[in-house]
């Protein structure tokens, strides 16, 4: 069994494409998006961790909510991966690459109560949302409105789900 870390190329190979974004910008964009892809894969698995292990009086609501969010995040990962390939890159989305590259904090494996999962999921969604907004700015700086638009959609969706999750921890004033 090979337990070595995955090899990560310093400069990824680009496939030939007629896309008019210059090669040097496509290299930067694909590297950036592969980082976000790693975090998206990690986020999806963190949500499944919460979905599988939540306990308490809000079990069914949170169990179903975490699963819906995980499914949405899976579509985000797919769209990010497809954008990488559209630009001539290779989507690098294995679990080992995701573990090595994700910018998200490790999900706590010892939590079980609903409120603990709400807190952990809220932090993960907020952190990925922050990085998505940074990616919008970075894609715009690289003159790639399509990637910026993709991450605007991702950011908007993450904020929507963050609202749903945080509502479980908020009390009326």
C-alpha atoms as a PDB file:
ATOM      1  CA  UNK A   1       0.000   0.000   0.000  1.00  0.00           C
ATOM      2  CA  UNK A   2       1.384   3.397  -1.016  1.00  0.00           C
ATOM      3  CA  UNK A   3       0.886   6.039   1.675  1.00  0.00           C
ATOM      4  CA  UNK A   4       3.125   8.678   0.110  1.00  0.00           C
ATOM      5  CA  UNK A   5       1.696  12.136  -0.427  1.00  0.00           C
ATOM      6  CA  UNK A   6       0.446  12.799  -3.959  1.00  0.00           C
ATOM      7  CA  UNK A   7       2.867  14.439  -6.314  1.00  0.00           C
ATOM      8  CA  UNK A   8       1.819  18.005  -6.986  1.00  0.00           C
ATOM      9  CA  UNK A   9       3.357  19.631 -10.009  1.00  0.00           C
ATOM     10  CA  UNK A  10       4.811  23.095  -9.547  1.00  0.00           C
ATOM     11  CA  UNK A  11       3.539  24.168 -12.962  1.00  0.00           C
ATOM     12  CA  UNK A  12       0.664  22.097 -14.308  1.00  0.00           C
ATOM     13  CA  UNK A  13       0.490  21.006 -17.909  1.00  0.00           C
ATOM     14  CA  UNK A  14      -2.094  22.743 -20.063  1.00  0.00           C
ATOM     15  CA  UNK A  15      -3.843  21.055 -22.952  1.00  0.00           C
ATOM     16  CA  UNK A  16      -4.236  22.902 -26.220  1.00  0.00           C
ATOM     17  CA  UNK A  17      -7.401  24.941 -26.412  1.00  0.00           C
ATOM     18  CA  UNK A  18      -8.695  27.759 -28.567  1.00  0.00           C
ATOM     19  CA  UNK A  19      -9.776  29.607 -25.433  1.00  0.00           C
ATOM     20  CA  UNK A  20      -8.465  33.151 -25.855  1.00  0.00           C
ATOM     21  CA  UNK A  21      -7.346  33.638 -22.260  1.00  0.00           C
ATOM     22  CA  UNK A  22      -3.533  33.822 -22.448  1.00  0.00           C
ATOM     23  CA  UNK A  23      -1.631  30.703 -21.389  1.00  0.00           C
ATOM     24  CA  UNK A  24       0.114  32.353 -18.427  1.00  0.00           C
ATOM     25  CA  UNK A  25      -3.235  33.499 -17.021  1.00  0.00           C
ATOM     26  CA  UNK A  26      -4.785  30.079 -17.612  1.00  0.00           C
ATOM     27  CA  UNK A  27      -1.916  28.529 -15.646  1.00  0.00           C
ATOM     28  CA  UNK A  28      -2.588  30.859 -12.709  1.00  0.00           C
ATOM     29  CA  UNK A  29      -6.333  30.302 -12.928  1.00  0.00           C
ATOM     30  CA  UNK A  30      -6.085  26.520 -13.011  1.00  0.00           C
ATOM     31  CA  UNK A  31      -3.668  26.474 -10.069  1.00  0.00           C
ATOM     32  CA  UNK A  32      -5.977  28.760  -8.100  1.00  0.00           C
ATOM     33  CA  UNK A  33      -9.064  26.747  -8.949  1.00  0.00           C
ATOM     34  CA  UNK A  34      -7.352  23.459  -8.045  1.00  0.00           C
ATOM     35  CA  UNK A  35      -6.824  24.913  -4.555  1.00  0.00           C
ATOM     36  CA  UNK A  36     -10.524  25.780  -4.367  1.00  0.00           C
ATOM     37  CA  UNK A  37     -11.432  22.351  -5.737  1.00  0.00           C
ATOM     38  CA  UNK A  38      -9.483  20.757  -2.883  1.00  0.00           C
ATOM     39  CA  UNK A  39     -11.396  22.836  -0.344  1.00  0.00           C
ATOM     40  CA  UNK A  40     -14.717  22.037  -2.057  1.00  0.00           C
ATOM     41  CA  UNK A  41     -14.032  18.291  -1.875  1.00  0.00           C
ATOM     42  CA  UNK A  42     -13.021  18.698   1.769  1.00  0.00           C
ATOM     43  CA  UNK A  43     -16.139  20.770   2.525  1.00  0.00           C
ATOM     44  CA  UNK A  44     -18.421  18.185   0.947  1.00  0.00           C
ATOM     45  CA  UNK A  45     -16.876  15.450   3.082  1.00  0.00           C
ATOM     46  CA  UNK A  46     -17.076  17.602   6.210  1.00  0.00           C
ATOM     47  CA  UNK A  47     -20.782  18.063   5.544  1.00  0.00           C
ATOM     48  CA  UNK A  48     -21.224  14.324   5.134  1.00  0.00           C
ATOM     49  CA  UNK A  49     -19.364  13.848   8.442  1.00  0.00           C
ATOM     50  CA  UNK A  50     -21.886  16.159  10.111  1.00  0.00           C
ATOM     51  CA  UNK A  51     -24.803  14.483   8.295  1.00  0.00           C
ATOM     52  CA  UNK A  52     -23.769  11.009   9.440  1.00  0.00           C
ATOM     53  CA  UNK A  53     -22.995  11.889  13.044  1.00  0.00           C
ATOM     54  CA  UNK A  54     -25.445  14.559  14.186  1.00  0.00           C
ATOM     55  CA  UNK A  55     -27.465  13.696  17.297  1.00  0.00           C
ATOM     56  CA  UNK A  56     -30.023  15.445  19.461  1.00  0.00           C
ATOM     57  CA  UNK A  57     -33.473  16.965  19.345  1.00  0.00           C
ATOM     58  CA  UNK A  58     -32.895  18.613  15.948  1.00  0.00           C
ATOM     59  CA  UNK A  59     -31.498  15.426  14.424  1.00  0.00           C
ATOM     60  CA  UNK A  60     -33.790  15.008  11.425  1.00  0.00           C
ATOM     61  CA  UNK A  61     -33.756  18.669  10.413  1.00  0.00           C
ATOM     62  CA  UNK A  62     -29.976  18.962  10.629  1.00  0.00           C
ATOM     63  CA  UNK A  63     -29.381  15.516   9.133  1.00  0.00           C
ATOM     64  CA  UNK A  64     -31.413  16.480   6.058  1.00  0.00           C
ATOM     65  CA  UNK A  65     -29.990  20.025   5.885  1.00  0.00           C
ATOM     66  CA  UNK A  66     -26.364  18.861   5.984  1.00  0.00           C
ATOM     67  CA  UNK A  67     -27.090  16.321   3.237  1.00  0.00           C
ATOM     68  CA  UNK A  68     -28.701  18.975   0.997  1.00  0.00           C
ATOM     69  CA  UNK A  69     -25.740  21.283   1.468  1.00  0.00           C
ATOM     70  CA  UNK A  70     -23.296  18.438   0.741  1.00  0.00           C
ATOM     71  CA  UNK A  71     -25.119  17.745  -2.539  1.00  0.00           C
ATOM     72  CA  UNK A  72     -24.922  21.420  -3.493  1.00  0.00           C
ATOM     73  CA  UNK A  73     -21.224  21.592  -2.641  1.00  0.00           C
ATOM     74  CA  UNK A  74     -20.679  18.514  -4.812  1.00  0.00           C
ATOM     75  CA  UNK A  75     -22.144  20.467  -7.750  1.00  0.00           C
ATOM     76  CA  UNK A  76     -19.798  23.374  -6.943  1.00  0.00           C
ATOM     77  CA  UNK A  77     -16.814  21.014  -6.994  1.00  0.00           C
ATOM     78  CA  UNK A  78     -17.986  19.634 -10.328  1.00  0.00           C
ATOM     79  CA  UNK A  79     -18.373  23.113 -11.844  1.00  0.00           C
ATOM     80  CA  UNK A  80     -14.954  24.187 -10.560  1.00  0.00           C
ATOM     81  CA  UNK A  81     -13.355  21.017 -11.966  1.00  0.00           C
ATOM     82  CA  UNK A  82     -15.068  21.504 -15.315  1.00  0.00           C
ATOM     83  CA  UNK A  83     -13.887  25.131 -15.490  1.00  0.00           C
ATOM     84  CA  UNK A  84     -10.320  23.980 -14.874  1.00  0.00           C
ATOM     85  CA  UNK A  85     -10.583  21.553 -17.779  1.00  0.00           C
ATOM     86  CA  UNK A  86     -12.253  24.170 -20.010  1.00  0.00           C
ATOM     87  CA  UNK A  87      -9.116  26.284 -19.582  1.00  0.00           C
ATOM     88  CA  UNK A  88      -6.899  23.369 -20.624  1.00  0.00           C
ATOM     89  CA  UNK A  89      -5.942  22.286 -17.123  1.00  0.00           C
ATOM     90  CA  UNK A  90      -6.305  19.050 -15.241  1.00  0.00           C
ATOM     91  CA  UNK A  91      -8.769  18.955 -12.368  1.00  0.00           C
ATOM     92  CA  UNK A  92      -6.933  17.499  -9.377  1.00  0.00           C
ATOM     93  CA  UNK A  93      -9.686  16.370  -7.053  1.00  0.00           C
ATOM     94  CA  UNK A  94      -8.673  13.132  -5.387  1.00  0.00           C
ATOM     95  CA  UNK A  95      -9.182  12.762  -1.657  1.00  0.00           C
ATOM     96  CA  UNK A  96      -5.431  12.759  -1.033  1.00  0.00           C
ATOM     97  CA  UNK A  97      -4.863  15.915  -3.052  1.00  0.00           C
ATOM     98  CA  UNK A  98      -7.827  17.539  -1.313  1.00  0.00           C
ATOM     99  CA  UNK A  99      -6.393  16.607   2.093  1.00  0.00           C
ATOM    100  CA  UNK A 100      -3.001  18.034   1.175  1.00  0.00           C
ATOM    101  CA  UNK A 101      -4.319  21.295  -0.296  1.00  0.00           C
ATOM    102  CA  UNK A 102      -7.542  22.205   1.467  1.00  0.00           C
ATOM    103  CA  UNK A 103      -7.482  25.525   3.278  1.00  0.00           C
ATOM    104  CA  UNK A 104     -10.305  24.484   5.602  1.00  0.00           C
ATOM    105  CA  UNK A 105      -9.692  23.614   9.235  1.00  0.00           C
ATOM    106  CA  UNK A 106      -9.942  19.953  10.142  1.00  0.00           C
ATOM    107  CA  UNK A 107     -13.509  18.971  11.020  1.00  0.00           C
ATOM    108  CA  UNK A 108     -13.818  17.911  14.673  1.00  0.00           C
ATOM    109  CA  UNK A 109     -14.451  14.174  14.763  1.00  0.00           C
ATOM    110  CA  UNK A 110     -15.601  14.077  18.376  1.00  0.00           C
ATOM    111  CA  UNK A 111     -18.694  16.273  18.066  1.00  0.00           C
ATOM    112  CA  UNK A 112     -22.147  14.730  18.050  1.00  0.00           C
ATOM    113  CA  UNK A 113     -24.674  17.226  19.401  1.00  0.00           C
ATOM    114  CA  UNK A 114     -26.509  19.325  16.842  1.00  0.00           C
ATOM    115  CA  UNK A 115     -25.286  22.701  18.108  1.00  0.00           C
ATOM    116  CA  UNK A 116     -21.664  21.544  17.895  1.00  0.00           C
ATOM    117  CA  UNK A 117     -22.163  20.483  14.279  1.00  0.00           C
ATOM    118  CA  UNK A 118     -23.961  23.745  13.509  1.00  0.00           C
ATOM    119  CA  UNK A 119     -20.928  25.650  14.772  1.00  0.00           C
ATOM    120  CA  UNK A 120     -18.401  23.493  12.899  1.00  0.00           C
ATOM    121  CA  UNK A 121     -20.387  23.551   9.643  1.00  0.00           C
ATOM    122  CA  UNK A 122     -20.925  27.322   9.944  1.00  0.00           C
ATOM    123  CA  UNK A 123     -17.181  27.880  10.255  1.00  0.00           C
ATOM    124  CA  UNK A 124     -16.402  25.642   7.273  1.00  0.00           C
ATOM    125  CA  UNK A 125     -19.038  27.328   5.075  1.00  0.00           C
ATOM    126  CA  UNK A 126     -17.858  30.796   6.104  1.00  0.00           C
ATOM    127  CA  UNK A 127     -14.210  29.961   5.420  1.00  0.00           C
ATOM    128  CA  UNK A 128     -14.935  28.497   1.998  1.00  0.00           C
ATOM    129  CA  UNK A 129     -17.177  31.487   1.237  1.00  0.00           C
ATOM    130  CA  UNK A 130     -14.329  33.835   2.124  1.00  0.00           C
ATOM    131  CA  UNK A 131     -11.982  32.013  -0.247  1.00  0.00           C
ATOM    132  CA  UNK A 132     -14.643  32.015  -2.982  1.00  0.00           C
ATOM    133  CA  UNK A 133     -14.877  35.811  -2.723  1.00  0.00           C
ATOM    134  CA  UNK A 134     -11.089  36.101  -2.921  1.00  0.00           C
ATOM    135  CA  UNK A 135     -11.223  33.954  -6.057  1.00  0.00           C
ATOM    136  CA  UNK A 136     -13.715  36.364  -7.640  1.00  0.00           C
ATOM    137  CA  UNK A 137     -11.219  39.192  -7.197  1.00  0.00           C
ATOM    138  CA  UNK A 138      -8.288  37.085  -8.385  1.00  0.00           C
ATOM    139  CA  UNK A 139     -10.174  35.865 -11.478  1.00  0.00           C
ATOM    140  CA  UNK A 140     -11.159  39.437 -12.328  1.00  0.00           C
ATOM    141  CA  UNK A 141      -7.522  40.523 -11.967  1.00  0.00           C
ATOM    142  CA  UNK A 142      -6.637  37.764 -14.469  1.00  0.00           C
ATOM    143  CA  UNK A 143      -9.336  39.020 -16.887  1.00  0.00           C
ATOM    144  CA  UNK A 144     -11.487  35.902 -16.545  1.00  0.00           C
ATOM    145  CA  UNK A 145     -15.056  37.076 -16.056  1.00  0.00           C
ATOM    146  CA  UNK A 146     -16.406  33.529 -16.469  1.00  0.00           C
ATOM    147  CA  UNK A 147     -14.418  32.147 -13.536  1.00  0.00           C
ATOM    148  CA  UNK A 148     -15.333  35.227 -11.498  1.00  0.00           C
ATOM    149  CA  UNK A 149     -18.991  34.604 -12.335  1.00  0.00           C
ATOM    150  CA  UNK A 150     -18.706  30.937 -11.346  1.00  0.00           C
ATOM    151  CA  UNK A 151     -17.298  31.880  -7.957  1.00  0.00           C
ATOM    152  CA  UNK A 152     -19.931  34.600  -7.548  1.00  0.00           C
ATOM    153  CA  UNK A 153     -22.533  31.850  -7.907  1.00  0.00           C
ATOM    154  CA  UNK A 154     -20.628  29.659  -5.444  1.00  0.00           C
ATOM    155  CA  UNK A 155     -20.289  32.528  -2.962  1.00  0.00           C
ATOM    156  CA  UNK A 156     -23.974  33.390  -3.218  1.00  0.00           C
ATOM    157  CA  UNK A 157     -24.947  29.754  -2.656  1.00  0.00           C
ATOM    158  CA  UNK A 158     -22.613  29.362   0.312  1.00  0.00           C
ATOM    159  CA  UNK A 159     -24.034  32.495   1.936  1.00  0.00           C
ATOM    160  CA  UNK A 160     -27.534  31.053   1.445  1.00  0.00           C
ATOM    161  CA  UNK A 161     -26.609  27.780   3.146  1.00  0.00           C
ATOM    162  CA  UNK A 162     -24.665  29.576   5.885  1.00  0.00           C
ATOM    163  CA  UNK A 163     -27.855  31.502   6.694  1.00  0.00           C
ATOM    164  CA  UNK A 164     -29.815  28.228   6.926  1.00  0.00           C
ATOM    165  CA  UNK A 165     -27.237  26.636   9.242  1.00  0.00           C
ATOM    166  CA  UNK A 166     -26.662  29.700  11.439  1.00  0.00           C
ATOM    167  CA  UNK A 167     -30.421  30.115  11.947  1.00  0.00           C
ATOM    168  CA  UNK A 168     -30.240  26.974  14.107  1.00  0.00           C
ATOM    169  CA  UNK A 169     -27.944  28.797  16.565  1.00  0.00           C
ATOM    170  CA  UNK A 170     -29.547  32.232  16.546  1.00  0.00           C
ATOM    171  CA  UNK A 171     -32.077  33.397  19.101  1.00  0.00           C
ATOM    172  CA  UNK A 172     -34.578  36.220  18.676  1.00  0.00           C
ATOM    173  CA  UNK A 173     -33.640  39.367  20.557  1.00  0.00           C
END
